[in-house]
N, C-alpha and C. Protein backbone atom coordinates (compact mmCIF):
# COMPACT_ATOMS: atom_id res chain seq x y z
N MET A 1 164.86 118.49 57.15
CA MET A 1 164.49 117.51 58.11
C MET A 1 163.08 117.76 58.56
N PRO A 2 162.37 116.79 58.53
CA PRO A 2 160.84 116.97 58.93
C PRO A 2 160.70 117.28 60.44
N LYS A 3 159.70 118.07 60.74
CA LYS A 3 159.42 118.50 62.09
C LYS A 3 158.87 117.31 62.93
N LYS A 4 159.38 117.12 64.14
CA LYS A 4 159.01 116.00 65.01
C LYS A 4 157.44 116.25 65.49
N ILE A 5 156.76 115.24 65.37
CA ILE A 5 155.26 115.36 65.70
C ILE A 5 155.12 114.81 67.14
N PRO A 6 154.67 115.48 68.06
CA PRO A 6 154.45 115.00 69.57
C PRO A 6 153.36 113.97 69.60
N MET A 7 153.67 112.80 70.16
CA MET A 7 152.70 111.75 70.30
C MET A 7 152.20 111.57 71.71
N ARG A 8 151.05 111.25 71.93
CA ARG A 8 150.39 111.01 73.19
C ARG A 8 149.57 109.69 73.20
N GLN A 9 149.35 109.10 74.35
CA GLN A 9 148.66 107.89 74.46
C GLN A 9 147.12 108.16 74.96
N CYS A 10 146.22 107.59 74.18
CA CYS A 10 144.83 107.79 74.50
C CYS A 10 144.49 106.87 75.74
N LEU A 11 143.89 107.36 76.76
CA LEU A 11 143.55 106.62 78.07
C LEU A 11 142.49 105.62 77.78
N GLY A 12 141.70 105.74 76.68
CA GLY A 12 140.61 104.71 76.39
C GLY A 12 141.14 103.57 75.69
N CYS A 13 141.74 103.89 74.37
CA CYS A 13 141.95 102.72 73.53
C CYS A 13 143.51 102.39 73.64
N ARG A 14 144.34 103.26 74.50
CA ARG A 14 145.75 102.99 74.74
C ARG A 14 146.61 103.12 73.58
N GLU A 15 146.10 103.81 72.34
CA GLU A 15 146.97 103.80 71.24
C GLU A 15 147.75 105.11 71.22
N MET A 16 148.95 105.18 70.69
CA MET A 16 149.70 106.33 70.53
C MET A 16 149.21 107.06 69.17
N LYS A 17 148.90 108.32 69.38
CA LYS A 17 148.45 109.08 68.35
C LYS A 17 149.01 110.55 68.43
N PRO A 18 149.07 111.21 67.28
CA PRO A 18 149.48 112.63 67.22
C PRO A 18 148.78 113.50 68.29
N LYS A 19 149.50 114.27 69.02
CA LYS A 19 148.83 115.07 70.02
C LYS A 19 147.66 115.95 69.56
N ARG A 20 147.83 116.42 68.29
CA ARG A 20 146.75 117.30 67.77
C ARG A 20 145.53 116.56 67.57
N GLU A 21 145.45 115.32 67.31
CA GLU A 21 144.29 114.53 66.97
C GLU A 21 143.54 114.14 68.32
N LEU A 22 144.06 114.34 69.49
CA LEU A 22 143.54 113.89 70.72
C LEU A 22 142.92 115.19 71.45
N ILE A 23 142.03 114.92 72.35
CA ILE A 23 141.39 115.91 73.18
C ILE A 23 142.13 115.75 74.70
N ARG A 24 142.56 116.93 75.04
CA ARG A 24 143.27 116.97 76.45
C ARG A 24 142.14 117.22 77.57
N VAL A 25 142.21 116.31 78.55
CA VAL A 25 141.46 116.38 79.70
C VAL A 25 142.31 116.98 80.70
N VAL A 26 141.93 118.14 81.34
CA VAL A 26 142.80 118.86 82.22
C VAL A 26 142.18 119.01 83.57
N ARG A 27 143.16 118.77 84.64
CA ARG A 27 142.81 119.14 86.03
C ARG A 27 143.52 120.43 86.34
N SER A 28 142.73 121.49 86.55
CA SER A 28 143.21 122.75 86.80
C SER A 28 143.95 122.85 88.22
N PRO A 29 144.73 123.82 88.51
CA PRO A 29 145.39 123.88 89.87
C PRO A 29 144.30 123.96 91.02
N GLU A 30 143.11 124.43 90.61
CA GLU A 30 142.02 124.45 91.66
C GLU A 30 141.31 123.06 91.83
N GLY A 31 141.58 122.11 91.02
CA GLY A 31 141.05 120.80 91.00
C GLY A 31 139.89 120.50 90.22
N GLU A 32 139.55 121.54 89.28
CA GLU A 32 138.41 121.35 88.33
C GLU A 32 138.83 120.60 87.11
N ILE A 33 138.02 119.67 86.67
CA ILE A 33 138.26 118.89 85.45
C ILE A 33 137.53 119.22 84.28
N SER A 34 138.12 119.46 83.18
CA SER A 34 137.42 119.92 81.96
C SER A 34 138.10 119.45 80.75
N LEU A 35 137.40 119.60 79.61
CA LEU A 35 138.14 119.24 78.38
C LEU A 35 138.77 120.50 77.80
N ASP A 36 140.00 120.28 77.22
CA ASP A 36 140.74 121.30 76.72
C ASP A 36 140.93 121.07 75.27
N PHE A 37 140.19 121.64 74.36
CA PHE A 37 140.21 121.36 72.90
C PHE A 37 141.49 122.00 72.21
N ARG A 38 142.00 123.06 72.75
CA ARG A 38 143.18 123.77 72.12
C ARG A 38 144.57 123.37 72.85
N GLY A 39 144.53 122.74 74.02
CA GLY A 39 145.70 122.19 74.59
C GLY A 39 146.53 123.34 75.25
N LYS A 40 145.87 124.39 75.77
CA LYS A 40 146.49 125.56 76.31
C LYS A 40 146.19 125.88 77.73
N LYS A 41 145.14 125.14 78.39
CA LYS A 41 144.51 125.52 79.69
C LYS A 41 145.86 124.98 80.65
N PRO A 42 145.95 125.78 81.74
CA PRO A 42 147.07 125.38 82.76
C PRO A 42 146.54 124.13 83.57
N GLY A 43 147.46 123.40 83.91
CA GLY A 43 147.14 122.20 84.76
C GLY A 43 147.62 120.88 84.19
N ARG A 44 147.29 119.85 84.89
CA ARG A 44 147.73 118.45 84.59
C ARG A 44 146.94 117.87 83.44
N GLY A 45 147.46 117.36 82.43
CA GLY A 45 146.69 116.89 81.31
C GLY A 45 146.82 115.36 81.13
N ALA A 46 145.68 114.89 80.61
CA ALA A 46 145.71 113.44 80.09
C ALA A 46 144.84 113.46 78.78
N TYR A 47 145.09 112.58 77.88
CA TYR A 47 144.52 112.67 76.61
C TYR A 47 143.57 111.48 76.22
N VAL A 48 142.52 111.76 75.47
CA VAL A 48 141.56 110.87 74.86
C VAL A 48 141.34 111.25 73.63
N CYS A 49 140.78 110.14 72.74
CA CYS A 49 140.41 110.33 71.39
C CYS A 49 139.16 111.11 71.46
N PRO A 50 138.77 111.83 70.35
CA PRO A 50 137.49 112.56 70.15
C PRO A 50 136.32 111.68 70.01
N ASP A 51 136.30 110.55 70.73
CA ASP A 51 135.26 109.57 70.60
C ASP A 51 134.54 109.32 71.98
N PRO A 52 133.40 109.49 72.12
CA PRO A 52 132.71 109.22 73.45
C PRO A 52 133.03 107.71 73.94
N ALA A 53 133.23 106.84 72.99
CA ALA A 53 133.61 105.42 73.36
C ALA A 53 134.87 105.31 74.15
N CYS A 54 135.77 106.10 73.66
CA CYS A 54 137.06 106.18 74.28
C CYS A 54 136.95 106.77 75.69
N LEU A 55 136.14 107.77 75.85
CA LEU A 55 135.96 108.36 77.18
C LEU A 55 135.25 107.34 78.12
N ALA A 56 134.28 106.62 77.54
CA ALA A 56 133.65 105.60 78.36
C ALA A 56 134.56 104.39 78.71
N ARG A 57 135.50 104.07 77.89
CA ARG A 57 136.57 103.06 78.23
C ARG A 57 137.51 103.56 79.33
N ALA A 58 137.85 104.82 79.16
CA ALA A 58 138.81 105.35 80.29
C ALA A 58 138.07 105.54 81.54
N ARG A 59 136.76 105.77 81.51
CA ARG A 59 135.97 105.84 82.74
C ARG A 59 135.84 104.36 83.39
N LYS A 60 135.61 103.33 82.52
CA LYS A 60 135.42 102.04 83.09
C LYS A 60 136.84 101.52 83.65
N SER A 61 137.83 101.77 83.08
CA SER A 61 139.16 101.38 83.64
C SER A 61 139.77 102.33 84.64
N ARG A 62 139.01 103.35 85.00
CA ARG A 62 139.48 104.36 85.98
C ARG A 62 140.76 104.96 85.63
N ALA A 63 141.10 105.10 84.34
CA ALA A 63 142.39 105.71 83.91
C ALA A 63 142.44 107.23 84.28
N LEU A 64 141.40 107.97 84.33
CA LEU A 64 141.58 109.42 84.63
C LEU A 64 141.82 109.55 86.11
N GLU A 65 141.22 108.57 86.99
CA GLU A 65 141.52 108.75 88.38
C GLU A 65 142.95 108.45 88.59
N ARG A 66 143.46 107.55 87.88
CA ARG A 66 144.99 107.14 88.12
C ARG A 66 145.85 108.39 87.51
N ALA A 67 145.45 108.93 86.47
CA ALA A 67 146.17 109.98 85.92
C ALA A 67 146.35 111.29 86.74
N PHE A 68 145.10 111.52 87.44
CA PHE A 68 145.04 112.73 88.27
C PHE A 68 145.12 112.42 89.76
N SER A 69 145.33 111.25 90.15
CA SER A 69 145.49 110.91 91.48
C SER A 69 144.21 111.37 92.39
N LEU A 70 143.09 111.43 91.85
CA LEU A 70 141.91 111.75 92.64
C LEU A 70 140.62 111.12 92.22
N ALA A 71 139.65 110.96 93.11
CA ALA A 71 138.40 110.28 92.70
C ALA A 71 137.56 111.21 91.86
N ILE A 72 136.98 110.80 90.76
CA ILE A 72 136.29 111.66 89.83
C ILE A 72 134.77 111.31 89.92
N PRO A 73 133.83 112.20 90.39
CA PRO A 73 132.48 111.97 90.44
C PRO A 73 131.86 111.70 89.15
N ALA A 74 130.67 110.84 89.05
CA ALA A 74 129.99 110.58 87.79
C ALA A 74 129.59 111.73 87.12
N GLU A 75 129.18 112.81 87.90
CA GLU A 75 128.66 114.12 87.12
C GLU A 75 129.73 114.73 86.32
N VAL A 76 131.02 114.58 86.70
CA VAL A 76 132.12 115.09 85.98
C VAL A 76 132.27 114.32 84.60
N TYR A 77 132.12 112.99 84.72
CA TYR A 77 132.12 112.26 83.37
C TYR A 77 131.13 112.65 82.42
N GLU A 78 129.87 112.79 83.08
CA GLU A 78 128.63 113.06 82.16
C GLU A 78 128.92 114.46 81.59
N ALA A 79 129.42 115.52 82.29
CA ALA A 79 129.75 116.77 81.78
C ALA A 79 130.79 116.69 80.62
N LEU A 80 131.83 115.92 80.80
CA LEU A 80 132.88 115.70 79.79
C LEU A 80 132.21 115.17 78.54
N GLU A 81 131.31 114.12 78.77
CA GLU A 81 130.66 113.51 77.57
C GLU A 81 129.86 114.51 76.80
N ALA A 82 129.10 115.38 77.58
CA ALA A 82 128.30 116.46 76.92
C ALA A 82 129.18 117.45 76.19
N GLN A 83 130.29 117.72 76.84
CA GLN A 83 131.18 118.66 76.36
C GLN A 83 131.83 118.18 75.00
N MET A 84 132.13 116.91 75.09
CA MET A 84 132.76 116.30 73.80
C MET A 84 131.75 116.26 72.67
N VAL A 85 130.42 116.00 73.02
CA VAL A 85 129.38 115.84 71.87
C VAL A 85 129.20 117.28 71.28
N ARG A 86 129.22 118.25 72.21
CA ARG A 86 129.02 119.62 71.64
C ARG A 86 130.20 120.08 70.92
N GLY A 87 131.36 119.65 71.49
CA GLY A 87 132.73 120.10 70.79
C GLY A 87 133.15 121.51 71.25
N ASP A 88 132.66 122.03 72.32
CA ASP A 88 133.12 123.37 72.70
C ASP A 88 134.35 123.15 73.66
N GLY A 89 135.10 124.26 73.73
CA GLY A 89 136.27 124.19 74.69
C GLY A 89 136.38 125.47 75.23
């Protein structure tokens, strides 16, 4: 029997994709927002494709604000975009 692949929805393009193909945006218990490339950081997670365009779409639709129930400043989005381009976690 094949192993079940966990699926998650990208906040930008709204497509269901395997969890491993997506980048987790995490809000830590302290309220800090960062990218989690390994999916192991503690906190509330939301998922986006590894594409800056999907992050921009999620920003425009305020999807991260809804997922985390808090206002996200523009500097956080800029830091997330820079982190996504660098690819570090």
